[in-house]
Protein backbone atom coordinates (compact mmCIF):
# COMPACT_ATOMS: atom_id res chain seq x y z
CA MET A 1 -33.85 16.65 10.43
CA ARG A 2 -32.39 13.41 10.32
CA VAL A 3 -28.14 13.16 11.03
CA PRO A 4 -26.23 10.37 9.67
CA ILE A 5 -24.55 7.68 11.64
CA ALA A 6 -21.14 6.75 11.40
CA VAL A 7 -20.02 3.34 12.69
CA VAL A 8 -15.89 2.94 12.43
CA GLY A 9 -13.57 1.25 14.05
CA PRO A 10 -11.14 -1.60 14.03
CA THR A 11 -11.78 -4.87 11.25
CA ALA A 12 -13.49 -7.72 11.64
CA THR A 13 -15.16 -6.16 15.01
CA GLY A 14 -18.66 -6.37 13.90
CA LYS A 15 -19.18 -2.61 12.05
CA SER A 16 -21.36 -4.22 8.74
CA ASP A 17 -23.80 -6.30 10.75
CA LEU A 18 -24.39 -3.36 13.52
CA GLY A 19 -24.31 -1.21 10.45
CA LEU A 20 -27.45 -3.35 8.89
CA ASP A 21 -29.34 -3.21 12.25
CA LEU A 22 -29.06 0.30 12.40
CA ALA A 23 -29.96 1.10 8.98
CA ALA A 24 -33.27 -1.47 9.50
CA ARG A 25 -34.04 0.35 12.57
CA LEU A 26 -33.65 3.91 11.42
CA ASP A 27 -34.86 3.62 7.91
CA GLY A 28 -31.37 4.13 6.56
CA GLU A 29 -29.00 3.31 3.76
CA ILE A 30 -25.49 2.10 4.10
CA VAL A 31 -22.53 4.24 2.59
CA ASN A 32 -19.22 2.32 2.62
CA ILE A 33 -16.33 3.79 3.68
CA ASP A 34 -13.60 0.79 3.67
CA ALA A 35 -11.38 1.80 0.87
CA MET A 36 -10.78 -1.67 -0.72
CA GLN A 37 -14.28 -2.64 -1.21
CA LEU A 38 -14.67 0.20 -3.66
CA TYR A 39 -13.46 -2.29 -5.67
CA ARG A 40 -15.27 -4.61 -8.18
CA GLY A 41 -14.76 -8.17 -7.91
CA MET A 42 -12.57 -7.91 -4.36
CA ASP A 43 -14.88 -9.67 -2.44
CA ILE A 44 -13.75 -12.09 -0.17
CA GLY A 45 -10.35 -10.35 0.78
CA THR A 46 -12.42 -7.43 1.90
CA ALA A 47 -15.22 -9.61 3.35
CA LYS A 48 -17.52 -7.41 1.30
CA LEU A 49 -21.39 -8.38 2.37
CA PRO A 50 -23.03 -10.47 -0.51
CA VAL A 51 -26.02 -8.75 -1.99
CA ALA A 52 -28.14 -11.56 -0.63
CA GLN A 53 -27.03 -10.70 2.78
CA ARG A 54 -27.74 -7.04 2.68
CA ARG A 55 -31.29 -7.50 3.62
CA GLY A 56 -32.80 -5.27 0.62
CA ILE A 57 -30.96 -2.39 1.96
CA PRO A 58 -29.68 -0.01 -0.61
CA HIS A 59 -25.55 0.28 -0.39
CA HIS A 60 -23.32 3.11 -1.76
CA GLN A 61 -19.69 3.49 -2.75
CA LEU A 62 -19.44 -0.32 -3.17
CA ASP A 63 -18.27 -1.72 -6.36
CA VAL A 64 -17.48 1.45 -8.35
CA LEU A 65 -13.87 0.71 -9.11
CA ASP A 66 -12.00 -1.16 -11.24
CA VAL A 67 -8.59 -3.19 -9.79
CA THR A 68 -6.68 -0.92 -12.56
CA GLU A 69 -8.13 2.07 -11.02
CA THR A 70 -6.46 4.20 -8.42
CA ALA A 71 -8.58 4.71 -5.03
CA SER A 72 -8.59 8.56 -4.32
CA VAL A 73 -9.50 9.77 -1.05
CA ALA A 74 -10.37 13.27 -2.48
CA THR A 75 -12.64 11.17 -5.52
CA TYR A 76 -14.20 9.09 -2.54
CA GLN A 77 -14.61 12.38 -0.68
CA ARG A 78 -16.83 13.78 -3.23
CA ALA A 79 -18.84 10.64 -4.45
CA ALA A 80 -19.74 9.54 -0.97
CA ALA A 81 -20.72 13.46 0.38
CA ALA A 82 -23.22 13.59 -2.70
CA ASP A 83 -24.56 9.92 -1.43
CA VAL A 84 -24.96 11.42 2.17
CA GLU A 85 -26.64 14.56 1.07
CA ASP A 86 -28.99 12.40 -1.70
CA ILE A 87 -29.72 10.32 1.32
CA LEU A 88 -30.52 12.82 3.58
CA ALA A 89 -32.83 14.89 0.86
CA ARG A 90 -34.68 11.81 0.39
CA GLY A 91 -35.95 11.56 3.96
CA ARG A 92 -33.62 8.92 4.91
CA THR A 93 -31.00 8.22 7.34
CA PRO A 94 -27.05 7.54 5.91
CA VAL A 95 -25.42 4.69 7.83
CA ILE A 96 -21.72 5.11 6.82
CA VAL A 97 -19.99 2.20 7.65
CA GLY A 98 -15.89 1.10 7.55
CA GLY A 99 -12.53 1.55 9.11
CA SER A 100 -10.67 3.22 6.38
CA MET A 101 -8.82 6.12 8.50
CA MET A 102 -8.40 8.98 5.91
CA TYR A 103 -11.63 8.54 4.49
CA VAL A 104 -13.06 8.69 7.64
CA GLN A 105 -11.71 11.62 8.45
CA ALA A 106 -11.81 13.29 4.91
CA LEU A 107 -15.41 12.60 4.44
CA LEU A 108 -16.65 13.70 7.85
CA ASP A 109 -14.27 17.07 8.69
CA GLU A 110 -14.23 18.11 5.00
CA TRP A 111 -10.61 17.63 4.37
CA GLU A 112 -9.51 20.02 2.03
CA PHE A 113 -6.74 18.65 0.11
CA PRO A 114 -3.23 20.09 -0.68
CA ALA A 115 -2.85 20.58 -4.72
CA THR A 116 -1.00 17.70 -6.64
CA ASP A 117 1.39 17.86 -9.21
CA PRO A 118 1.76 15.09 -11.99
CA ALA A 119 5.64 15.60 -12.37
CA VAL A 120 6.55 15.89 -8.60
CA ARG A 121 4.59 12.70 -7.84
CA ALA A 122 5.98 10.97 -10.75
CA ARG A 123 9.35 12.00 -10.13
CA TRP A 124 8.70 10.31 -6.24
CA GLU A 125 6.67 7.50 -7.67
CA GLN A 126 10.07 6.37 -9.88
CA VAL A 127 11.99 6.24 -7.14
CA LEU A 128 9.54 3.88 -5.42
CA ALA A 129 9.30 1.89 -8.62
CA GLU A 130 13.52 1.76 -9.19
CA GLN A 131 14.73 1.84 -5.55
CA GLY A 132 11.69 0.73 -3.34
CA VAL A 133 10.25 1.73 -0.44
CA ALA A 134 13.33 1.75 1.90
CA ALA A 135 14.85 4.69 -0.45
CA VAL A 136 11.54 6.70 -0.10
CA HIS A 137 11.16 6.09 3.54
CA ALA A 138 14.76 7.59 3.55
CA ALA A 139 13.98 10.46 2.09
CA LEU A 140 10.75 11.49 3.69
CA ARG A 141 12.62 10.63 7.07
CA ALA A 142 14.92 13.58 5.96
CA ALA A 143 12.08 15.86 4.79
CA ASP A 144 9.57 15.59 7.66
CA PRO A 145 10.59 13.19 10.08
CA VAL A 146 7.18 13.22 12.13
CA ALA A 147 5.33 11.86 8.80
CA ALA A 148 8.40 8.91 8.60
CA ALA A 149 7.53 8.20 12.12
CA THR A 150 3.48 7.82 11.67
CA ILE A 151 3.30 6.30 8.02
CA LEU A 152 3.99 2.80 7.81
CA PRO A 153 7.44 2.33 6.28
CA THR A 154 5.76 -0.46 3.50
CA ASP A 155 3.00 2.23 2.54
CA GLY A 156 5.02 3.69 -0.41
CA ARG A 157 1.94 5.24 -2.04
CA ARG A 158 1.39 7.54 1.00
CA MET A 159 4.94 8.08 1.78
CA VAL A 160 5.21 9.39 -1.99
CA ARG A 161 2.09 11.93 -1.55
CA ALA A 162 3.81 13.08 1.70
CA LEU A 163 6.93 13.73 -0.18
CA GLU A 164 4.69 15.63 -2.87
CA VAL A 165 2.90 17.76 -0.38
CA VAL A 166 5.96 18.82 1.57
CA GLU A 167 7.87 19.80 -1.81
CA LEU A 168 4.82 21.61 -3.01
CA THR A 169 3.72 23.62 0.28
CA GLY A 170 7.29 23.74 1.92
CA GLN A 171 5.07 22.44 5.16
CA PRO A 172 5.27 19.03 7.05
CA PHE A 173 2.60 16.79 6.01
CA ALA A 174 0.78 16.85 8.98
CA ALA A 175 -0.21 20.68 8.42
CA SER A 176 -2.60 19.68 5.73
CA ALA A 177 -4.39 17.60 7.97
CA PRO A 178 -8.06 18.68 9.13
CA THR A 179 -8.62 20.04 12.39
CA ILE A 180 -10.82 17.54 14.47
CA GLY A 181 -14.23 19.84 15.22
CA ALA A 182 -18.11 19.16 14.93
CA PRO A 183 -18.45 16.58 12.18
CA ARG A 184 -20.10 17.29 9.13
CA TRP A 185 -24.17 16.99 8.83
CA ASN A 186 -23.86 16.71 12.72
CA THR A 187 -22.99 13.30 12.14
CA VAL A 188 -22.70 10.81 15.34
CA VAL A 189 -19.80 8.49 15.42
CA LEU A 190 -19.85 5.12 16.59
CA GLY A 191 -16.80 3.19 17.25
CA VAL A 192 -17.11 -0.78 17.66
CA ASP A 193 -14.29 -2.61 19.47
CA ARG A 194 -13.47 -5.78 21.00
CA ASP A 195 -11.17 -7.03 23.62
CA THR A 196 -7.61 -7.47 21.75
CA ALA A 197 -7.53 -11.10 22.04
CA GLU A 198 -11.07 -12.21 21.37
CA LEU A 199 -10.37 -9.36 17.95
CA ASP A 200 -7.25 -11.54 17.16
CA ALA A 201 -9.06 -14.90 17.27
CA ARG A 202 -11.52 -13.45 15.02
CA ILE A 203 -9.23 -11.99 12.82
CA GLU A 204 -7.44 -15.39 12.70
CA ARG A 205 -10.84 -17.32 11.98
CA ARG A 206 -11.60 -14.64 9.14
CA THR A 207 -8.32 -14.91 7.36
CA ALA A 208 -8.60 -18.75 7.55
CA LEU A 209 -12.18 -18.33 5.97
CA MET A 210 -10.88 -16.35 3.26
CA PHE A 211 -8.47 -18.99 2.10
CA GLU A 212 -10.86 -21.83 2.31
CA THR A 213 -13.79 -20.25 0.52
CA GLY A 214 -11.82 -18.89 -2.55
CA LEU A 215 -9.62 -16.10 -1.90
CA VAL A 216 -6.66 -17.59 -4.14
CA ASP A 217 -9.55 -18.27 -7.23
CA GLU A 218 -10.75 -14.58 -6.99
CA VAL A 219 -6.94 -13.27 -7.05
CA ARG A 220 -6.30 -15.47 -9.82
CA GLY A 221 -9.95 -14.17 -12.02
CA LEU A 222 -8.62 -10.43 -10.99
CA ILE A 223 -5.20 -10.89 -12.15
CA ASP A 224 -6.81 -11.57 -15.71
CA GLN A 225 -8.39 -8.45 -15.21
CA GLY A 226 -5.39 -6.29 -14.38
CA LEU A 227 -4.94 -6.37 -10.74
CA ARG A 228 -1.25 -6.77 -11.06
CA GLU A 229 -1.32 -3.48 -13.19
CA GLY A 230 -3.39 -1.54 -10.05
CA VAL A 231 -1.39 1.01 -7.96
CA THR A 232 -3.53 0.14 -4.89
CA ALA A 233 -5.76 -2.58 -5.31
CA ARG A 234 -3.09 -5.23 -5.35
CA ARG A 235 -1.78 -3.67 -2.22
CA ALA A 236 -4.58 -4.75 -0.66
CA ILE A 237 -4.26 -7.31 2.72
CA GLY A 238 -4.51 -10.55 1.32
CA TYR A 239 -4.60 -9.86 -2.33
CA ALA A 240 -0.80 -8.78 -1.91
CA GLN A 241 0.07 -11.97 0.03
CA VAL A 242 -1.68 -14.44 -2.65
CA LEU A 243 0.05 -12.42 -5.68
CA ALA A 244 3.41 -13.21 -3.88
CA TYR A 245 2.11 -16.96 -3.42
CA LEU A 246 1.42 -17.09 -6.96
CA ASP A 247 5.08 -15.56 -7.72
CA ASP A 248 6.56 -18.55 -5.54
CA GLU A 249 7.54 -16.23 -3.00
CA TYR A 250 6.15 -18.66 -0.56
CA ASP A 251 3.98 -21.20 -0.06
CA LEU A 252 0.32 -20.64 0.70
CA ASN A 253 0.45 -21.32 4.34
CA HIS A 254 2.56 -18.80 4.81
CA ALA A 255 0.52 -16.39 2.48
CA GLU A 256 -2.32 -17.08 4.55
CA GLU A 257 0.22 -16.51 8.04
CA ARG A 258 1.19 -13.03 6.66
CA THR A 259 -2.34 -12.29 6.02
CA PHE A 260 -3.27 -12.68 9.48
CA ILE A 261 -0.16 -10.75 10.62
CA GLY A 262 -1.04 -7.71 8.23
CA THR A 263 -4.71 -8.00 9.23
CA ARG A 264 -3.70 -7.73 12.87
CA ARG A 265 -1.07 -5.12 12.46
CA TYR A 266 -3.53 -2.72 10.95
CA VAL A 267 -6.12 -3.42 13.42
CA ARG A 268 -3.71 -1.81 15.68
CA ARG A 269 -3.05 1.15 13.33
CA GLN A 270 -7.19 1.77 13.20
CA ARG A 271 -7.47 1.58 16.99
CA SER A 272 -5.00 3.95 17.57
CA TRP A 273 -6.34 6.40 15.15
CA PHE A 274 -9.71 6.15 15.87
CA ARG A 275 -9.37 6.22 20.17
CA ARG A 276 -7.98 9.48 19.15
CA ASP A 277 -11.14 11.20 18.05
CA PRO A 278 -13.14 12.53 20.87
CA ARG A 279 -16.38 12.42 19.01
CA VAL A 280 -16.25 8.40 18.74
CA ARG A 281 -18.78 7.01 21.15
CA TRP A 282 -17.84 3.08 21.71
CA VAL A 283 -19.40 -0.04 22.16
CA ASP A 284 -18.40 -3.07 22.43
CA GLY A 285 -18.63 -5.67 19.79
CA ALA A 286 -19.32 -8.27 21.90
CA ASP A 287 -22.23 -6.89 23.46
CA PRO A 288 -25.24 -9.50 23.05
CA ASP A 289 -27.41 -6.06 23.13
CA LEU A 290 -25.33 -4.59 20.70
CA LEU A 291 -27.97 -2.59 18.68
CA GLY A 292 -29.39 -1.42 21.68
CA ALA A 293 -25.84 -0.21 23.24
CA ALA A 294 -25.42 1.87 19.86
CA LEU A 295 -29.19 3.29 19.84
CA ARG A 296 -28.21 4.73 23.25
CA ALA A 297 -25.04 5.90 22.64
CA ILE A 298 -26.46 7.36 19.35
CA GLU A 299 -29.21 9.36 21.23
CA SER A 300 -26.68 10.24 24.07
CA SER A 301 -24.51 11.61 21.56
CA ALA A 302 -27.35 13.72 19.81
CA ILE A 303 -28.60 15.15 23.08
CA GLU A 304 -25.26 16.43 24.62
CA ARG A 305 -25.09 18.01 20.91
CA GLY A 306 -28.66 19.48 20.65
CA ALA A 307 -29.80 17.37 17.52
CA ILE A 308 -32.70 15.77 19.00
CA GLU A 309 -34.90 17.41 21.57
CA SER A 310 -35.05 14.80 24.43
CA ALA A 311 -34.26 11.71 25.85
CA SER A 312 -37.74 10.57 25.63
CA ALA A 313 -37.02 8.94 22.45
CA ILE A 314 -35.37 5.94 23.87
CA ASP A 315 -37.39 3.22 25.22
CA ASN A 316 -36.64 0.83 28.38
CA ALA A 317 -35.30 -1.58 26.01
CA GLY A 318 -33.27 1.05 24.47
CA SER A 319 -34.34 1.08 21.16
CA ILE A 320 -35.23 4.53 19.50
CA ASP A 321 -38.98 5.22 19.01
CA ARG A 322 -38.51 7.74 16.56
CA THR A 323 -36.14 8.35 13.63
CA GLU A 324 -37.21 11.99 13.01
CA TRP A 325 -34.52 13.55 14.94
CA THR A 326 -35.74 17.48 14.96
CA THR A 327 -32.47 19.85 15.47
CA GLN A 328 -32.56 22.80 17.73
């Protein structure tokens, strides 16, 4: 049977292009695992591939939420798992592409989420709304110092969730995290990264291009659709900075600079998160034979785990000759 391929890693490393190349080679379909690309209309600021550039390859978990809706890891987990299993049932290869860290772990490790209590969450959300992220961070620091040290002090929504879990379970937030083991569906996990200086330059160019090609107008249009009322969408990197610019908090150049800085900071977190996962096979996004390197990494990983019969499926050029991988 086929096994899914997950292409993960930091933003701007080239995951989308590699995902398309793999899907084309392995008779695959793309399953998005970027939380902000779930939103309709959030295209420029999320570097979402336009339909015309998708090579006719089906994409799943794109444009499934309005900006007024709250993105949920648990909801995504159920929907994306159904997509993966449907693709497998049709004899095709799921290629899971993106860098949203908790979403990746939820999907591949079958994370069972702690129960939620609307009253408890509402109480902490009120603290966040009325007193700001600093007050929520201080409360979390008192309740769970480890969680407070690992969650960004600006990530109010995640801190609220951590406080809710701690209050409901009496355990640290980390106690609810999944144990890393064999990935679901025997998925082969590829990580794409680049030299830090090169990646920073790519982020800077991409940020400038977003502003040049209409990010501000995109945000203006989304405001009419309720972006300001959204819990998660309005906090997305780039969108939050443009909203602040439109509110006269700073000028457009500063909005672009803060978007670049925010993206670079997020990339460091992604890299740290994914580098801790021993299942990830890393490839260099700058490799001129990136597809070949990825195919070799896939075959090597699959052989080690007994997912395919032998190394004979790989030719001298590094491309896999067969895509029906038989389990032993």
